[in-house]
């Protein structure tokens, strides 16, 4: 096989023996220091004074043949052979030295450094020992690259690759902005440190609607906007604008929107900025507002809502009426389920001559009873007027037995809690008894009755309501008959039950009764001056 470095043929069977470290063991070193670090190598300078040289196998006296071990002085002059020390001037062939060791700057061949050992910005390569630097190849999407590998630092968002040759699909970056959406780009990550430009494009889809464009940048940048159709070249709308925001409307009459053959595409270029930066961009197509259509729809919706509200209100009224009726039925059932008891009444005949006694007259008067009429049961057990409650309000659990009179209102004592009866004979007075047929003892007893005040009608029932603050009071009343002794046929009359709602309160002493104070009650009266005065109501009324 032919060995290029040795410029001779090498037997395949003796290759490993001749070259145990591989082909040209010392030729892999590119600098003098690395070459002398290998004990079997030395550095041969080319004599140009720029630091260019070659690493060869050799020793102190000079280079040698690695196979035969014979000196090869013709390969490197003795003055240019460096086995233990390196030349003072080392500019890697891109400059010369002054003062013996300092390279003259700037270095040539797009190199930089104190020994011209690396490439300048926007170039890459290995300039050591005469190597060359090449410009970065980034397909116009980047200016800088790695100095050694040449991998580009793409400065356009969404472009990637060693030479910025493909789109960034891994991070789902899409520069096609959809209509009626707002996009925000936050370039603050470490991988965005080289970004200097971002591009967008949009294709409006609605043919007869204007397109609104809006872009906002958190810092001042340069912005360019262009339009392009399928059959024309790109034309600039806004060029070299510097600022933070642009709002623009593109009329549907000036551009072709929504066409499959020759649609307009808008291109937006944002560049010349440094991260971190936030960019908000949007394209929108909102139809024009038709006022007639708007107010028609609004009025229709309002009428529908109003009709729905009226229907709901009617339903609520019907439901309220139903609930009131149900509540009334429950109340009527509750009232109908009240217990009943017989009531003994003393009735005077209609049209009988009776005297109404004056409450201010202290003289006894005679009550003349012409006839005694029975109640609806047509039976009277005794000729008595029962005042069992002494004129006070009956309690909630008992029913008072009233004393009613048709044409004569008798006066009873407020102090006695007794029964006035025919005690002398204890007889039952039959129906239609004339006063002339009564015994003299009974007449004398009736004539000696002393009445001090008019008796108020007493209730036959008092049912307290919930909370005991009000009650339903029931009375027996006698309906008028038009001056006739009996109710005419076909007309309502006789007795009826009347009910009313009253409030409950503590019974008060009547103000028309004389109040006498004893000597011992004088001090008690003084201590009660701050209390409420006596009520003027009768003890038999509900307050």
Protein backbone atom coordinates (compact mmCIF):
# COMPACT_ATOMS: atom_id res chain seq x y z
CA UNK A 1 0.00 0.00 0.00
CA UNK A 2 1.18 3.56 -0.67
CA UNK A 3 1.94 5.78 2.33
CA UNK A 4 1.44 9.36 1.41
CA UNK A 5 3.34 10.81 4.37
CA UNK A 6 6.35 8.54 3.72
CA UNK A 7 6.01 8.80 -0.01
CA UNK A 8 6.71 5.08 -0.42
CA UNK A 9 4.99 1.71 -0.58
CA UNK A 10 4.51 -0.24 2.62
CA UNK A 11 4.03 -4.00 2.85
CA UNK A 12 0.65 -4.90 4.24
CA UNK A 13 2.11 -7.66 6.39
CA UNK A 14 4.69 -5.33 7.98
CA UNK A 15 2.35 -2.33 8.47
CA UNK A 16 1.66 -2.85 12.18
CA UNK A 17 5.33 -3.49 12.90
CA UNK A 18 6.51 -0.48 10.94
CA UNK A 19 3.85 1.86 12.29
CA UNK A 20 2.76 0.67 15.77
CA UNK A 21 1.08 4.04 16.49
CA UNK A 22 -0.64 4.29 13.13
CA UNK A 23 0.28 6.17 10.05
CA UNK A 24 2.66 9.05 10.68
CA UNK A 25 2.71 8.99 14.41
CA UNK A 26 4.04 12.55 14.70
CA UNK A 27 2.17 14.12 11.81
CA UNK A 28 -1.05 14.30 13.81
CA UNK A 29 0.37 17.12 15.97
CA UNK A 30 -0.33 20.59 14.63
CA UNK A 31 1.54 22.76 17.16
CA UNK A 32 5.12 22.74 18.36
CA UNK A 33 4.19 22.18 21.99
CA UNK A 34 2.05 19.14 21.26
CA UNK A 35 4.72 17.79 18.95
CA UNK A 36 7.51 18.05 21.51
CA UNK A 37 5.29 16.47 24.10
CA UNK A 38 5.73 13.24 22.18
CA UNK A 39 9.24 11.91 22.95
CA UNK A 40 9.76 10.50 19.46
CA UNK A 41 8.83 13.70 17.60
CA UNK A 42 10.44 17.05 16.83
CA UNK A 43 9.36 20.26 15.19
CA UNK A 44 10.73 21.40 11.84
CA UNK A 45 10.14 25.09 11.10
CA UNK A 46 9.71 26.17 7.46
CA UNK A 47 11.95 29.22 7.97
CA UNK A 48 9.34 31.82 6.92
CA UNK A 49 9.27 33.42 10.37
CA UNK A 50 5.48 32.97 10.67
CA UNK A 51 5.50 29.88 12.91
CA UNK A 52 4.50 27.31 10.30
CA UNK A 53 6.21 23.96 10.68
CA UNK A 54 5.83 20.16 10.66
CA UNK A 55 6.08 17.52 13.34
CA UNK A 56 8.42 14.65 12.38
CA UNK A 57 9.98 11.56 13.90
CA UNK A 58 13.44 12.33 15.10
CA UNK A 59 15.78 13.01 17.92
CA UNK A 60 18.19 15.58 19.21
CA UNK A 61 20.38 15.46 16.09
CA UNK A 62 17.53 15.69 13.59
CA UNK A 63 14.76 13.77 11.87
CA UNK A 64 15.12 10.07 11.31
CA UNK A 65 13.44 7.37 9.27
CA UNK A 66 10.94 5.62 11.54
CA UNK A 67 11.45 2.32 9.74
CA UNK A 68 15.20 2.15 9.26
CA UNK A 69 16.21 4.60 12.02
CA UNK A 70 18.64 6.39 9.67
CA UNK A 71 19.15 10.13 9.99
CA UNK A 72 17.43 12.23 7.31
CA UNK A 73 19.12 15.61 7.53
CA UNK A 74 17.92 16.57 4.09
CA UNK A 75 14.34 16.67 5.34
CA UNK A 76 14.90 19.53 7.78
CA UNK A 77 17.88 21.88 8.01
CA UNK A 78 19.66 21.83 11.34
CA UNK A 79 18.81 25.49 12.06
CA UNK A 80 15.09 24.81 11.61
CA UNK A 81 15.00 21.67 13.79
CA UNK A 82 13.50 22.16 17.28
CA UNK A 83 13.50 19.11 19.51
CA UNK A 84 13.42 20.58 23.01
CA UNK A 85 12.40 24.19 22.41
CA UNK A 86 9.85 25.90 20.12
CA UNK A 87 10.46 28.92 17.88
CA UNK A 88 9.88 32.29 19.52
CA UNK A 89 7.59 33.48 16.71
CA UNK A 90 4.41 31.46 16.30
CA UNK A 91 1.76 33.23 14.25
CA UNK A 92 0.46 30.07 12.56
CA UNK A 93 1.42 31.46 9.16
CA UNK A 94 -1.06 34.37 9.27
CA UNK A 95 1.32 37.12 10.44
CA UNK A 96 4.95 37.90 11.17
CA UNK A 97 6.57 38.76 14.41
CA UNK A 98 8.12 41.95 15.60
CA UNK A 99 10.57 42.12 18.46
CA UNK A 100 11.18 38.46 17.82
CA UNK A 101 8.05 36.99 19.47
CA UNK A 102 4.99 39.26 19.07
CA UNK A 103 2.72 38.77 16.09
CA UNK A 104 1.82 41.84 14.10
CA UNK A 105 -1.91 42.48 14.44
CA UNK A 106 -4.39 42.28 12.87
CA UNK A 107 -3.81 38.81 11.63
CA UNK A 108 -4.44 37.96 8.02
CA UNK A 109 -6.67 35.31 6.46
CA UNK A 110 -9.69 36.14 8.69
CA UNK A 111 -7.89 35.03 11.85
CA UNK A 112 -7.56 36.59 15.28
CA UNK A 113 -5.80 36.04 18.56
CA UNK A 114 -2.37 36.76 19.98
CA UNK A 115 -0.94 33.96 17.78
CA UNK A 116 -3.65 34.13 15.08
CA UNK A 117 -4.88 30.82 16.40
CA UNK A 118 -8.68 31.10 15.70
CA UNK A 119 -11.06 32.49 13.10
CA UNK A 120 -12.81 35.81 13.39
CA UNK A 121 -16.60 36.14 13.79
CA UNK A 122 -18.74 34.87 10.89
CA UNK A 123 -15.89 32.51 9.88
CA UNK A 124 -15.00 29.02 10.95
CA UNK A 125 -12.06 26.63 10.51
CA UNK A 126 -8.71 25.62 12.06
CA UNK A 127 -6.18 28.36 11.32
CA UNK A 128 -3.45 26.68 13.43
CA UNK A 129 -0.23 25.97 11.52
CA UNK A 130 -1.40 27.61 8.30
CA UNK A 131 -5.03 26.45 8.32
CA UNK A 132 -7.65 28.60 6.60
CA UNK A 133 -10.95 30.10 7.82
CA UNK A 134 -14.13 29.82 5.77
CA UNK A 135 -17.22 32.02 5.99
CA UNK A 136 -20.27 30.68 7.83
CA UNK A 137 -22.83 29.16 5.47
CA UNK A 138 -26.26 29.84 7.13
CA UNK A 139 -28.53 30.36 4.10
CA UNK A 140 -29.16 34.00 5.04
CA UNK A 141 -30.77 33.00 8.34
CA UNK A 142 -27.68 33.53 10.46
CA UNK A 143 -24.42 35.46 10.53
CA UNK A 144 -22.37 33.70 13.17
CA UNK A 145 -21.38 30.09 13.65
CA UNK A 146 -19.09 27.95 15.74
CA UNK A 147 -15.43 28.90 15.07
CA UNK A 148 -14.31 25.30 14.71
CA UNK A 149 -17.32 23.22 13.58
CA UNK A 150 -19.13 25.88 11.53
CA UNK A 151 -22.57 25.09 13.02
CA UNK A 152 -24.69 28.20 12.43
CA UNK A 153 -26.38 30.21 15.12
CA UNK A 154 -29.69 30.72 13.30
CA UNK A 155 -31.02 34.20 14.06
CA UNK A 156 -34.44 33.66 12.48
CA UNK A 157 -37.09 32.17 14.73
CA UNK A 158 -38.35 28.83 13.45
CA UNK A 159 -35.28 27.95 11.38
CA UNK A 160 -32.81 25.28 12.52
CA UNK A 161 -30.06 22.98 11.22
CA UNK A 162 -26.25 23.14 10.97
CA UNK A 163 -26.60 25.57 8.13
CA UNK A 164 -30.15 26.89 8.95
CA UNK A 165 -31.49 24.79 6.11
CA UNK A 166 -34.78 23.47 7.59
CA UNK A 167 -37.81 24.55 9.64
CA UNK A 168 -38.12 23.87 13.34
CA UNK A 169 -40.87 21.24 13.44
CA UNK A 170 -39.72 19.73 16.71
CA UNK A 171 -40.92 22.73 18.75
CA UNK A 172 -44.16 23.03 16.73
CA UNK A 173 -43.28 26.49 15.51
CA UNK A 174 -45.67 27.76 12.85
CA UNK A 175 -45.21 31.13 11.19
CA UNK A 176 -48.53 30.88 9.34
CA UNK A 177 -50.78 33.09 11.43
CA UNK A 178 -54.40 32.04 11.32
CA UNK A 179 -57.07 34.66 10.90
CA UNK A 180 -58.95 36.02 13.94
CA UNK A 181 -56.30 34.77 16.40
CA UNK A 182 -53.73 36.57 18.52
CA UNK A 183 -50.24 35.08 18.80
CA UNK A 184 -47.67 35.92 21.47
CA UNK A 185 -43.97 35.12 21.10
CA UNK A 186 -41.85 35.36 24.23
CA UNK A 187 -38.16 35.22 23.28
CA UNK A 188 -36.56 35.00 26.70
CA UNK A 189 -35.17 31.44 26.82
CA UNK A 190 -31.45 30.65 26.65
CA UNK A 191 -31.83 29.00 23.23
CA UNK A 192 -33.28 32.26 21.89
CA UNK A 193 -30.18 34.32 22.68
CA UNK A 194 -29.11 34.37 19.01
CA UNK A 195 -32.54 35.25 17.60
CA UNK A 196 -32.54 38.58 15.77
CA UNK A 197 -35.47 38.15 13.38
CA UNK A 198 -38.91 36.58 13.26
CA UNK A 199 -41.16 36.28 10.21
CA UNK A 200 -44.90 35.75 9.77
CA UNK A 201 -47.33 35.42 6.91
CA UNK A 202 -51.12 35.40 6.70
CA UNK A 203 -53.64 34.52 4.01
CA UNK A 204 -57.04 36.22 4.52
CA UNK A 205 -59.95 33.88 3.78
CA UNK A 206 -63.03 36.15 3.74
CA UNK A 207 -63.48 37.73 0.36
CA UNK A 208 -65.56 40.81 1.19
CA UNK A 209 -64.22 41.70 4.65
CA UNK A 210 -61.33 44.06 5.42
CA UNK A 211 -58.28 42.69 7.22
CA UNK A 212 -57.02 44.36 10.40
CA UNK A 213 -53.35 43.92 11.28
CA UNK A 214 -51.89 44.67 14.71
CA UNK A 215 -48.41 44.04 16.07
CA UNK A 216 -46.87 45.08 19.38
CA UNK A 217 -43.25 44.67 20.54
CA UNK A 218 -41.98 45.18 24.07
CA UNK A 219 -38.97 47.11 22.71
CA UNK A 220 -38.24 49.11 19.60
CA UNK A 221 -37.60 46.95 16.51
CA UNK A 222 -37.60 47.27 12.74
CA UNK A 223 -40.70 46.03 10.92
CA UNK A 224 -41.40 45.39 7.25
CA UNK A 225 -44.72 44.35 5.69
CA UNK A 226 -45.22 43.17 2.14
CA UNK A 227 -47.96 41.61 0.04
CA UNK A 228 -47.73 39.01 -2.67
CA UNK A 229 -50.27 37.33 -4.89
CA UNK A 230 -50.01 34.08 -6.75
CA UNK A 231 -49.42 35.86 -10.07
CA UNK A 232 -47.26 38.77 -8.94
CA UNK A 233 -44.03 39.53 -7.14
CA UNK A 234 -43.66 40.68 -3.57
CA UNK A 235 -44.41 44.37 -3.09
CA UNK A 236 -43.58 46.39 0.02
CA UNK A 237 -46.36 48.04 2.02
CA UNK A 238 -44.30 49.21 5.02
CA UNK A 239 -40.53 49.26 4.84
CA UNK A 240 -37.87 50.07 7.45
CA UNK A 241 -40.33 51.11 10.15
CA UNK A 242 -38.77 51.45 13.60
CA UNK A 243 -41.04 51.41 16.63
CA UNK A 244 -43.02 49.24 19.01
CA UNK A 245 -46.49 49.05 17.40
CA UNK A 246 -48.23 49.11 14.05
CA UNK A 247 -51.97 48.96 13.38
CA UNK A 248 -53.10 48.80 9.79
CA UNK A 249 -56.30 47.97 7.89
CA UNK A 250 -56.11 46.38 4.47
CA UNK A 251 -59.21 47.04 2.44
CA UNK A 252 -60.90 44.21 0.58
CA UNK A 253 -61.28 46.51 -2.42
CA UNK A 254 -57.50 47.01 -2.72
CA UNK A 255 -56.46 43.38 -2.22
CA UNK A 256 -57.80 40.04 -3.35
CA UNK A 257 -59.07 38.00 -0.41
CA UNK A 258 -60.60 34.54 -0.33
CA UNK A 259 -59.62 33.62 -3.90
CA UNK A 260 -58.32 30.15 -4.64
CA UNK A 261 -56.46 31.25 -7.77
CA UNK A 262 -54.92 34.61 -6.99
CA UNK A 263 -55.18 35.22 -3.24
CA UNK A 264 -53.14 37.85 -1.40
CA UNK A 265 -50.56 36.79 1.17
CA UNK A 266 -49.16 39.27 3.69
CA UNK A 267 -45.57 38.86 4.92
CA UNK A 268 -44.36 40.48 8.14
CA UNK A 269 -40.65 40.78 9.02
CA UNK A 270 -39.58 41.82 12.52
CA UNK A 271 -35.82 42.15 12.87
CA UNK A 272 -32.89 44.00 14.41
CA UNK A 273 -33.78 43.28 18.04
CA UNK A 274 -32.06 41.53 20.91
CA UNK A 275 -33.72 39.11 23.33
CA UNK A 276 -35.47 39.11 25.72
CA UNK A 277 -38.46 40.53 23.87
CA UNK A 278 -42.21 39.85 23.65
CA UNK A 279 -44.05 40.17 20.35
CA UNK A 280 -47.86 40.09 20.01
CA UNK A 281 -49.26 39.90 16.47
CA UNK A 282 -52.74 39.29 15.04
CA UNK A 283 -54.68 39.31 11.78
CA UNK A 284 -58.46 39.59 12.01
CA UNK A 285 -61.40 39.91 9.65
CA UNK A 286 -64.53 41.18 11.40
CA UNK A 287 -67.66 41.77 9.30
CA UNK A 288 -69.17 45.23 9.24
CA UNK A 289 -71.98 45.86 11.68
CA UNK A 290 -75.41 46.09 10.04
CA UNK A 291 -77.41 48.37 12.33
CA UNK A 292 -80.79 47.40 10.87
CA UNK A 293 -80.06 43.73 11.29
CA UNK A 294 -78.66 44.32 14.76
CA UNK A 295 -81.69 46.22 16.04
CA UNK A 296 -84.07 43.74 14.40
CA UNK A 297 -82.43 40.81 16.15
CA UNK A 298 -82.23 42.77 19.39
CA UNK A 299 -85.94 43.69 19.26
CA UNK A 300 -86.92 40.12 18.44
CA UNK A 301 -84.88 38.77 21.34
CA UNK A 302 -86.34 41.39 23.67
CA UNK A 303 -89.91 40.51 22.66
CA UNK A 304 -89.21 36.82 23.12
CA UNK A 305 -87.81 37.43 26.59
CA UNK A 306 -90.72 39.71 27.47
CA UNK A 307 -93.23 37.09 26.31
CA UNK A 308 -91.42 34.42 28.26
CA UNK A 309 -91.44 36.62 31.36
CA UNK A 310 -95.20 37.26 30.98
CA UNK A 311 -95.89 33.53 30.62
CA UNK A 312 -93.83 32.78 33.70
CA UNK A 313 -95.65 35.53 35.61
CA UNK A 314 -99.04 34.07 34.65
CA UNK A 315 -97.89 30.64 35.70
CA UNK A 316 -96.73 32.07 39.02
CA UNK A 317 -100.10 33.78 39.56
CA UNK A 318 -101.95 30.55 38.80
CA UNK A 319 -99.70 28.71 41.20
CA UNK A 320 -100.23 31.32 43.93
CA UNK A 321 -104.01 31.08 43.51
CA UNK A 322 -103.77 27.30 43.70
CA UNK A 323 -101.66 27.43 46.84
CA UNK A 324 -104.06 29.93 48.47
CA UNK A 325 -107.00 27.70 47.68
CA UNK A 326 -105.22 24.70 49.07
CA UNK A 327 -104.33 26.63 52.20
CA UNK A 328 -107.94 27.80 52.53
CA UNK A 329 -109.15 24.22 52.18
CA UNK A 330 -106.75 23.11 54.87
CA UNK A 331 -107.95 25.92 57.15
CA UNK A 332 -111.57 25.06 56.48
CA UNK A 333 -110.88 21.40 57.19
CA UNK A 334 -109.15 22.40 60.40
CA UNK A 335 -112.10 24.60 61.40
CA UNK A 336 -114.56 21.86 60.47
CA UNK A 337 -112.70 19.38 62.61
CA UNK A 338 -113.13 21.49 65.77
CA UNK A 339 -114.99 19.74 68.61
CA UNK A 340 -118.63 20.66 69.27
CA UNK A 341 -120.51 20.91 72.50
CA UNK A 342 -124.10 21.80 73.37
CA UNK A 343 -124.77 25.39 74.37
CA UNK A 344 -127.70 26.30 76.62
CA UNK A 345 -129.35 29.51 75.48
CA UNK A 346 -132.10 31.60 77.01
CA UNK A 347 -134.08 33.27 74.27
CA UNK A 348 -136.78 35.88 74.60
CA UNK A 349 -139.64 35.89 72.14
CA UNK A 350 -139.62 38.37 69.30
CA UNK A 351 -141.88 41.37 69.71
CA UNK A 352 -142.16 40.98 73.46
CA UNK A 353 -142.35 44.17 75.48
CA UNK A 354 -139.20 44.55 77.50
CA UNK A 355 -137.54 47.36 79.22
CA UNK A 356 -133.99 48.37 78.58
CA UNK A 357 -132.45 49.28 81.86
CA UNK A 358 -130.16 52.21 82.12
CA UNK A 359 -126.68 51.38 83.43
CA UNK A 360 -126.53 54.68 85.35
CA UNK A 361 -129.78 53.93 87.29
CA UNK A 362 -129.08 52.45 90.67
CA UNK A 363 -132.72 51.51 91.42
CA UNK A 364 -133.75 47.96 90.76
CA UNK A 365 -136.01 47.35 87.79
CA UNK A 366 -138.28 44.50 86.89
CA UNK A 367 -137.62 42.32 83.86
CA UNK A 368 -140.81 40.92 82.43
CA UNK A 369 -140.55 37.74 80.45
CA UNK A 370 -143.60 36.97 78.41
CA UNK A 371 -142.51 33.64 77.06
CA UNK A 372 -139.50 31.35 77.04
CA UNK A 373 -138.48 29.96 73.67
CA UNK A 374 -136.31 26.89 73.31
CA UNK A 375 -133.13 26.59 71.29
CA UNK A 376 -132.79 24.48 68.24
CA UNK A 377 -133.09 21.38 70.43
CA UNK A 378 -136.47 22.68 71.73
CA UNK A 379 -135.58 21.75 75.31
CA UNK A 380 -134.72 23.95 78.26
CA UNK A 381 -133.45 22.23 81.33
CA UNK A 382 -133.71 25.22 83.66
CA UNK A 383 -134.62 28.84 83.58
CA UNK A 384 -131.08 30.08 84.28
CA UNK A 385 -128.61 32.56 82.90
CA UNK A 386 -125.13 31.14 83.42
CA UNK A 387 -122.19 33.51 83.82
CA UNK A 388 -119.48 30.99 84.54
CA UNK A 389 -116.53 33.17 83.69
CA UNK A 390 -117.49 36.20 85.76
CA UNK A 391 -117.38 38.34 82.68
CA UNK A 392 -113.72 37.51 81.91
CA UNK A 393 -112.19 36.29 78.64
CA UNK A 394 -112.50 32.49 78.33
CA UNK A 395 -109.30 30.57 78.01
CA UNK A 396 -108.11 28.74 74.89
CA UNK A 397 -109.13 25.29 76.10
CA UNK A 398 -112.66 25.95 77.38
CA UNK A 399 -115.82 27.23 75.75
CA UNK A 400 -117.85 29.91 77.47
CA UNK A 401 -121.60 29.53 77.83
CA UNK A 402 -123.07 32.85 76.71
CA UNK A 403 -126.19 34.59 77.87
CA UNK A 404 -128.00 36.11 74.90
CA UNK A 405 -131.19 38.14 74.86
CA UNK A 406 -133.23 39.15 71.85
CA UNK A 407 -135.05 42.33 72.95
CA UNK A 408 -134.09 42.60 76.60
CA UNK A 409 -130.53 43.05 77.80
CA UNK A 410 -130.27 42.16 81.42
CA UNK A 411 -127.84 43.45 83.92
CA UNK A 412 -125.82 41.08 86.04
CA UNK A 413 -123.57 41.63 88.94
CA UNK A 414 -119.86 41.69 88.18
CA UNK A 415 -118.99 40.42 91.64
CA UNK A 416 -121.11 37.27 91.87
CA UNK A 417 -119.94 34.11 90.19
CA UNK A 418 -123.20 32.21 90.60
CA UNK A 419 -126.39 31.14 88.88
CA UNK A 420 -129.65 33.02 89.08
CA UNK A 421 -132.39 30.42 88.98
CA UNK A 422 -135.85 29.75 90.22
CA UNK A 423 -134.53 28.50 93.53
CA UNK A 424 -137.79 28.79 95.41
CA UNK A 425 -139.63 26.19 93.41
CA UNK A 426 -136.81 24.79 91.19
CA UNK A 427 -139.41 24.25 88.52
CA UNK A 428 -139.17 23.95 84.80
CA UNK A 429 -141.00 26.74 83.06
CA UNK A 430 -142.85 25.31 80.09
CA UNK A 431 -142.90 26.93 76.67
CA UNK A 432 -145.29 29.85 75.97
CA UNK A 433 -145.71 30.70 79.62
CA UNK A 434 -147.38 34.04 80.27
CA UNK A 435 -146.00 36.37 82.95
CA UNK A 436 -149.42 36.43 84.56
CA UNK A 437 -149.21 32.73 85.25
CA UNK A 438 -145.88 33.00 87.10
CA UNK A 439 -145.85 32.65 90.82
CA UNK A 440 -145.49 35.64 93.01
CA UNK A 441 -142.19 34.38 94.44
CA UNK A 442 -140.63 34.19 91.00
CA UNK A 443 -141.90 37.63 90.11
CA UNK A 444 -140.54 39.01 93.34
CA UNK A 445 -137.17 37.45 92.60
CA UNK A 446 -137.14 38.96 89.14
CA UNK A 447 -138.20 42.37 90.47
CA UNK A 448 -135.44 42.42 93.07
CA UNK A 449 -132.64 41.81 90.51
CA UNK A 450 -130.20 44.68 90.59
CA UNK A 451 -128.10 45.31 87.48
CA UNK A 452 -125.21 47.69 87.58
CA UNK A 453 -124.03 47.68 83.96
CA UNK A 454 -124.87 46.40 80.52
CA UNK A 455 -123.72 42.85 79.83
CA UNK A 456 -121.50 42.50 76.73
CA UNK A 457 -122.05 39.46 74.51
CA UNK A 458 -119.78 36.58 75.47
CA UNK A 459 -118.14 34.35 72.85
CA UNK A 460 -119.11 30.74 72.48
CA UNK A 461 -115.59 29.81 71.30
CA UNK A 462 -112.13 31.37 71.31
CA UNK A 463 -109.41 29.53 69.36
CA UNK A 464 -105.91 30.99 69.80
CA UNK A 465 -103.66 31.16 66.75
CA UNK A 466 -99.97 30.18 66.62
CA UNK A 467 -98.00 32.32 69.08
CA UNK A 468 -101.07 33.12 71.22
CA UNK A 469 -101.07 36.72 69.98
CA UNK A 470 -104.36 36.43 68.07
CA UNK A 471 -107.46 34.23 68.14
CA UNK A 472 -110.66 33.41 66.26
CA UNK A 473 -113.68 34.55 68.30
CA UNK A 474 -117.12 33.08 67.57
CA UNK A 475 -120.48 34.56 68.61
CA UNK A 476 -124.13 33.64 68.31
CA UNK A 477 -126.15 36.45 66.74
CA UNK A 478 -129.85 36.79 66.07
CA UNK A 479 -130.75 37.85 62.56
CA UNK A 480 -133.48 40.48 62.02
CA UNK A 481 -136.95 39.37 60.94
CA UNK A 482 -138.40 42.68 59.83
CA UNK A 483 -140.46 43.31 62.96
CA UNK A 484 -142.27 40.00 62.75
CA UNK A 485 -142.31 37.60 65.73
CA UNK A 486 -141.11 34.76 63.53
CA UNK A 487 -138.93 34.46 60.48
CA UNK A 488 -140.98 34.58 57.29
CA UNK A 489 -140.95 31.47 55.14
CA UNK A 490 -138.24 31.56 52.48
CA UNK A 491 -136.17 34.21 54.21
CA UNK A 492 -133.01 33.69 56.25
CA UNK A 493 -133.34 34.37 59.91
CA UNK A 494 -133.01 33.01 63.34
CA UNK A 495 -129.62 32.37 64.88
CA UNK A 496 -126.26 32.49 63.11
CA UNK A 497 -122.64 31.99 64.10
CA UNK A 498 -120.31 34.91 63.47
CA UNK A 499 -116.52 34.70 63.69
CA UNK A 500 -113.84 37.35 63.73
CA UNK A 501 -110.07 37.61 64.24
CA UNK A 502 -109.05 39.41 67.43
CA UNK A 503 -105.78 40.11 69.17
CA UNK A 504 -105.13 38.75 72.63
CA UNK A 505 -103.98 40.80 75.57
CA UNK A 506 -104.10 41.00 79.33
CA UNK A 507 -107.55 41.98 80.68
CA UNK A 508 -107.68 45.45 82.15
CA UNK A 509 -109.94 46.86 84.74
CA UNK A 510 -112.67 49.08 83.33
CA UNK A 511 -112.04 52.76 83.76
CA UNK A 512 -115.75 53.46 84.46
CA UNK A 513 -115.65 51.38 87.64
CA UNK A 514 -114.84 53.33 90.78
CA UNK A 515 -111.38 52.68 92.16
CA UNK A 516 -110.89 53.07 95.88
CA UNK A 517 -107.52 52.99 97.51
CA UNK A 518 -106.91 52.07 101.10
CA UNK A 519 -104.36 53.77 103.22
CA UNK A 520 -101.95 50.92 102.77
CA UNK A 521 -102.25 51.17 99.01
CA UNK A 522 -101.09 54.77 98.79
CA UNK A 523 -97.39 53.87 98.75
CA UNK A 524 -98.05 51.03 96.34
CA UNK A 525 -99.78 53.48 94.00
CA UNK A 526 -96.78 55.80 94.10
CA UNK A 527 -94.39 53.03 93.03
CA UNK A 528 -96.62 52.13 90.10
CA UNK A 529 -96.84 55.61 88.63
CA UNK A 530 -94.40 54.71 85.88
CA UNK A 531 -96.55 51.82 84.71
CA UNK A 532 -99.12 52.05 81.94
CA UNK A 533 -102.54 53.52 82.81
CA UNK A 534 -105.64 51.42 83.06
CA UNK A 535 -107.31 50.56 79.81
CA UNK A 536 -110.79 51.85 79.02
CA UNK A 537 -111.84 48.55 77.43
CA UNK A 538 -114.34 46.22 78.98
CA UNK A 539 -113.00 43.04 80.58
CA UNK A 540 -115.05 41.00 78.13
CA UNK A 541 -113.34 42.38 74.98
CA UNK A 542 -110.15 41.14 73.34
CA UNK A 543 -107.30 43.58 73.03
